[in-house]
Protein backbone atom coordinates (compact mmCIF):
# COMPACT_ATOMS: atom_id res chain seq x y z
CA UNK A 1 -1.70 -43.83 43.63
CA UNK A 2 1.93 -44.86 42.97
CA UNK A 3 4.00 -46.52 45.19
CA UNK A 4 5.94 -45.01 48.06
CA UNK A 5 9.88 -44.25 47.97
CA UNK A 6 10.53 -47.43 49.77
CA UNK A 7 7.69 -49.84 48.49
CA UNK A 8 8.60 -52.55 45.85
CA UNK A 9 8.20 -50.94 42.41
CA UNK A 10 4.80 -52.85 40.77
CA UNK A 11 4.19 -52.30 37.29
CA UNK A 12 0.20 -52.35 36.49
CA UNK A 13 0.35 -52.35 32.35
CA UNK A 14 -2.78 -51.35 30.93
CA UNK A 15 -4.20 -50.42 33.51
CA UNK A 16 -7.20 -48.56 31.60
CA UNK A 17 -9.65 -46.24 34.62
CA UNK A 18 -8.51 -48.71 36.81
CA UNK A 19 -6.09 -47.70 39.51
CA UNK A 20 -4.62 -50.29 41.86
CA UNK A 21 -3.11 -48.45 44.80
CA UNK A 22 0.62 -49.57 45.55
CA UNK A 23 1.08 -50.04 41.71
CA UNK A 24 2.71 -47.86 39.49
CA UNK A 25 -0.61 -47.59 36.72
CA UNK A 26 -0.03 -47.47 32.87
CA UNK A 27 -1.70 -46.61 30.19
CA UNK A 28 -1.00 -45.66 26.27
CA UNK A 29 -4.82 -45.13 25.76
CA UNK A 30 -5.52 -41.14 23.95
CA UNK A 31 -7.82 -40.34 27.73
CA UNK A 32 -4.32 -41.25 29.57
CA UNK A 33 -2.72 -38.87 27.57
CA UNK A 34 -5.03 -35.90 26.34
CA UNK A 35 -5.45 -35.95 30.47
CA UNK A 36 -2.41 -34.27 31.44
CA UNK A 37 -3.34 -31.24 29.29
CA UNK A 38 -5.69 -29.37 30.72
CA UNK A 39 -9.15 -28.77 29.04
CA UNK A 40 -8.58 -31.09 26.17
CA UNK A 41 -10.28 -34.79 27.41
CA UNK A 42 -13.36 -32.52 27.73
CA UNK A 43 -12.85 -31.19 24.44
CA UNK A 44 -12.03 -34.62 22.47
CA UNK A 45 -15.01 -36.46 24.23
CA UNK A 46 -17.68 -33.28 22.95
CA UNK A 47 -16.05 -34.22 19.78
CA UNK A 48 -16.35 -37.67 19.81
CA UNK A 49 -13.33 -38.48 19.69
CA UNK A 50 -12.68 -40.10 23.32
CA UNK A 51 -14.85 -42.42 24.72
CA UNK A 52 -17.18 -40.92 27.29
CA UNK A 53 -15.42 -40.66 31.24
CA UNK A 54 -15.83 -43.57 33.86
CA UNK A 55 -18.20 -43.60 36.58
CA UNK A 56 -16.44 -40.92 38.54
CA UNK A 57 -14.17 -39.59 36.37
CA UNK A 58 -11.33 -40.10 35.09
CA UNK A 59 -8.88 -41.13 38.20
CA UNK A 60 -5.56 -39.53 39.19
CA UNK A 61 -2.23 -41.35 38.61
CA UNK A 62 -2.30 -42.93 35.46
CA UNK A 63 1.72 -42.42 33.53
CA UNK A 64 0.98 -42.65 30.32
CA UNK A 65 3.07 -45.03 28.29
CA UNK A 66 3.84 -46.73 24.75
CA UNK A 67 5.38 -49.90 26.27
CA UNK A 68 6.26 -50.36 22.38
CA UNK A 69 9.36 -48.16 23.27
CA UNK A 70 12.21 -49.39 25.77
CA UNK A 71 10.92 -49.27 29.42
CA UNK A 72 12.57 -45.67 31.40
CA UNK A 73 12.73 -49.02 34.64
CA UNK A 74 16.55 -49.67 35.04
CA UNK A 75 17.52 -53.49 34.72
CA UNK A 76 16.45 -55.65 37.51
CA UNK A 77 14.68 -52.65 39.37
CA UNK A 78 10.76 -54.01 39.05
CA UNK A 79 9.38 -56.74 41.99
CA UNK A 80 6.17 -57.45 39.36
CA UNK A 81 3.77 -56.63 36.35
CA UNK A 82 0.77 -57.01 36.18
CA UNK A 83 -0.91 -56.60 32.49
CA UNK A 84 -4.15 -57.80 31.06
CA UNK A 85 -5.74 -58.03 27.21
CA UNK A 86 -2.89 -55.63 26.17
CA UNK A 87 -0.23 -57.24 24.34
CA UNK A 88 -2.92 -58.49 21.85
CA UNK A 89 -3.14 -55.06 20.89
CA UNK A 90 0.54 -55.11 19.83
CA UNK A 91 1.81 -56.36 16.13
CA UNK A 92 4.29 -59.09 16.79
CA UNK A 93 7.19 -57.70 17.01
CA UNK A 94 6.23 -54.99 19.13
CA UNK A 95 5.14 -57.75 21.66
CA UNK A 96 8.16 -59.51 21.54
CA UNK A 97 9.76 -56.82 22.21
CA UNK A 98 7.45 -55.71 25.78
CA UNK A 99 7.88 -58.82 26.50
CA UNK A 100 12.02 -58.56 26.28
CA UNK A 101 11.79 -55.23 27.97
CA UNK A 102 9.41 -56.70 31.31
CA UNK A 103 11.86 -59.10 31.46
CA UNK A 104 14.70 -57.37 31.92
CA UNK A 105 13.00 -54.62 34.16
CA UNK A 106 12.07 -57.62 36.36
CA UNK A 107 14.35 -58.44 39.61
CA UNK A 108 15.81 -62.18 39.33
CA UNK A 109 12.66 -63.99 40.54
CA UNK A 110 10.20 -61.26 39.91
CA UNK A 111 7.07 -62.64 38.49
CA UNK A 112 4.67 -61.66 35.23
CA UNK A 113 0.47 -61.65 36.30
CA UNK A 114 -0.03 -61.82 31.87
CA UNK A 115 -3.38 -62.13 30.52
CA UNK A 116 -4.80 -62.33 27.12
CA UNK A 117 -8.15 -63.57 24.82
CA UNK A 118 -7.71 -67.38 24.60
CA UNK A 119 -7.77 -67.81 20.59
CA UNK A 120 -8.29 -71.45 20.62
CA UNK A 121 -12.12 -71.27 21.76
CA UNK A 122 -13.19 -68.38 20.04
CA UNK A 123 -11.40 -69.94 17.16
CA UNK A 124 -12.95 -73.55 17.32
CA UNK A 125 -16.51 -70.85 17.57
CA UNK A 126 -15.81 -69.02 14.24
CA UNK A 127 -14.86 -71.95 12.43
CA UNK A 128 -18.63 -73.90 14.03
CA UNK A 129 -20.47 -71.12 12.54
CA UNK A 130 -19.76 -71.63 9.21
CA UNK A 131 -22.07 -74.02 8.91
CA UNK A 132 -24.69 -72.48 10.76
CA UNK A 133 -26.39 -70.04 8.31
CA UNK A 134 -27.80 -66.25 9.94
CA UNK A 135 -30.99 -65.72 10.02
CA UNK A 136 -32.76 -62.92 7.13
CA UNK A 137 -31.66 -59.87 8.68
CA UNK A 138 -29.74 -60.99 11.85
CA UNK A 139 -26.28 -60.91 12.13
CA UNK A 140 -24.65 -64.00 11.03
CA UNK A 141 -22.63 -66.47 14.13
CA UNK A 142 -19.46 -65.29 11.98
CA UNK A 143 -20.18 -61.65 12.63
CA UNK A 144 -20.62 -61.37 16.27
CA UNK A 145 -17.26 -63.64 16.75
CA UNK A 146 -15.00 -61.42 14.00
CA UNK A 147 -16.36 -58.78 16.42
CA UNK A 148 -15.27 -60.56 19.40
CA UNK A 149 -11.64 -61.33 17.92
CA UNK A 150 -11.25 -57.54 16.13
CA UNK A 151 -10.03 -59.42 13.24
CA UNK A 152 -12.30 -57.48 10.53
CA UNK A 153 -12.44 -53.36 11.26
CA UNK A 154 -14.68 -53.25 8.32
CA UNK A 155 -17.42 -54.75 10.67
CA UNK A 156 -17.50 -51.93 13.02
CA UNK A 157 -16.47 -49.24 10.94
CA UNK A 158 -19.28 -49.85 8.76
CA UNK A 159 -21.55 -49.06 11.22
CA UNK A 160 -19.42 -45.79 12.16
CA UNK A 161 -20.16 -42.39 11.50
CA UNK A 162 -17.66 -40.08 10.03
CA UNK A 163 -16.43 -38.60 13.03
CA UNK A 164 -16.72 -42.60 14.75
CA UNK A 165 -14.79 -43.94 11.14
CA UNK A 166 -11.80 -40.53 12.10
CA UNK A 167 -11.60 -41.78 16.23
CA UNK A 168 -11.23 -45.94 14.43
CA UNK A 169 -8.47 -44.19 12.32
CA UNK A 170 -6.58 -42.71 14.84
CA UNK A 171 -6.86 -45.35 17.27
CA UNK A 172 -5.62 -48.61 16.09
CA UNK A 173 -4.61 -49.53 18.93
CA UNK A 174 -7.27 -50.58 20.52
CA UNK A 175 -8.01 -53.54 17.51
CA UNK A 176 -6.59 -56.93 18.06
CA UNK A 177 -3.45 -57.19 16.38
CA UNK A 178 -2.18 -61.21 17.28
CA UNK A 179 -3.77 -63.41 18.82
CA UNK A 180 -2.99 -66.27 21.31
CA UNK A 181 -2.83 -69.74 23.31
CA UNK A 182 -1.62 -70.56 26.43
CA UNK A 183 1.08 -72.40 23.87
CA UNK A 184 2.29 -69.85 21.48
CA UNK A 185 1.84 -67.68 24.98
CA UNK A 186 4.15 -69.71 26.56
CA UNK A 187 6.58 -69.76 23.53
CA UNK A 188 6.83 -65.71 23.07
CA UNK A 189 7.80 -65.74 27.35
CA UNK A 190 10.49 -68.34 27.25
CA UNK A 191 11.80 -66.26 24.09
CA UNK A 192 12.03 -63.34 25.79
CA UNK A 193 14.22 -65.21 29.43
CA UNK A 194 11.23 -66.41 31.51
CA UNK A 195 12.62 -69.62 32.82
CA UNK A 196 9.34 -70.89 34.66
CA UNK A 197 5.79 -69.79 32.81
CA UNK A 198 2.84 -71.81 34.92
CA UNK A 199 -1.06 -71.23 33.48
CA UNK A 200 -3.21 -70.38 36.33
CA UNK A 201 -7.25 -69.39 36.24
CA UNK A 202 -8.78 -66.50 37.24
CA UNK A 203 -7.82 -65.28 40.35
CA UNK A 204 -5.34 -67.56 40.85
CA UNK A 205 -2.07 -66.14 41.05
CA UNK A 206 1.28 -66.33 42.94
CA UNK A 207 0.98 -62.70 42.97
CA UNK A 208 -0.50 -61.85 46.77
CA UNK A 209 -3.34 -59.15 45.49
CA UNK A 210 -4.10 -60.75 42.63
CA UNK A 211 -7.86 -59.76 44.49
CA UNK A 212 -7.39 -56.38 43.20
CA UNK A 213 -6.96 -56.80 39.29
CA UNK A 214 -9.63 -60.25 39.37
CA UNK A 215 -11.97 -59.76 42.06
CA UNK A 216 -14.85 -58.60 39.17
CA UNK A 217 -12.73 -59.93 35.67
CA UNK A 218 -15.25 -58.93 32.95
CA UNK A 219 -13.20 -61.32 30.50
CA UNK A 220 -13.59 -65.34 31.25
CA UNK A 221 -12.78 -66.23 27.77
CA UNK A 222 -8.35 -66.11 28.78
CA UNK A 223 -5.60 -67.21 29.22
CA UNK A 224 -3.90 -66.63 32.71
CA UNK A 225 -0.13 -67.04 32.70
CA UNK A 226 2.15 -66.26 36.14
CA UNK A 227 5.95 -65.96 33.52
CA UNK A 228 8.91 -65.81 36.79
CA UNK A 229 11.75 -63.66 35.32
């Protein structure tokens, strides 16, 4: 569902299969792109080039968007933006550009709710794992944390079949390209023009309908920021 003509424009960037009423739901997944072509998505799934559908099928009302490009919205035309676990999938220059675009399209005083994985505790786990030998025949703690961080894509590719490797080669955007802690992400937001940046907890935000996004949030080890344009 997208906002009505008289409703304030609000962007849900990286919605996946989660459509929030009253928001313009945007996603850059292959499924979102193929869903616009009749018959393309079932064929891609049959060839294992797209993931299985979510329960209830792929929802309607999702707009395909590549946020590495200039946003089509006018300056100061968006009231709020929600983006969770998207920015880390962009190379650093792409992330800087996307944040600048978010700031450009937000109205003065508009809110960006930004959520990314928190690199600090995961890297601390990784460093602790350097001193923990793996039992024979088991995955090492290094492998486990590296897979969560997705900084060593070869780990998963070695386990995939040929079609799986092809899919991965076409889907590098699903890997984490850059990691943040609260300080570095705050610095990026200030560079983009956001004057106020507040670290919040899960389900804690100036965004009135935050529970629509985070009531059953699956990634608790995350940085939650409210940034004011």
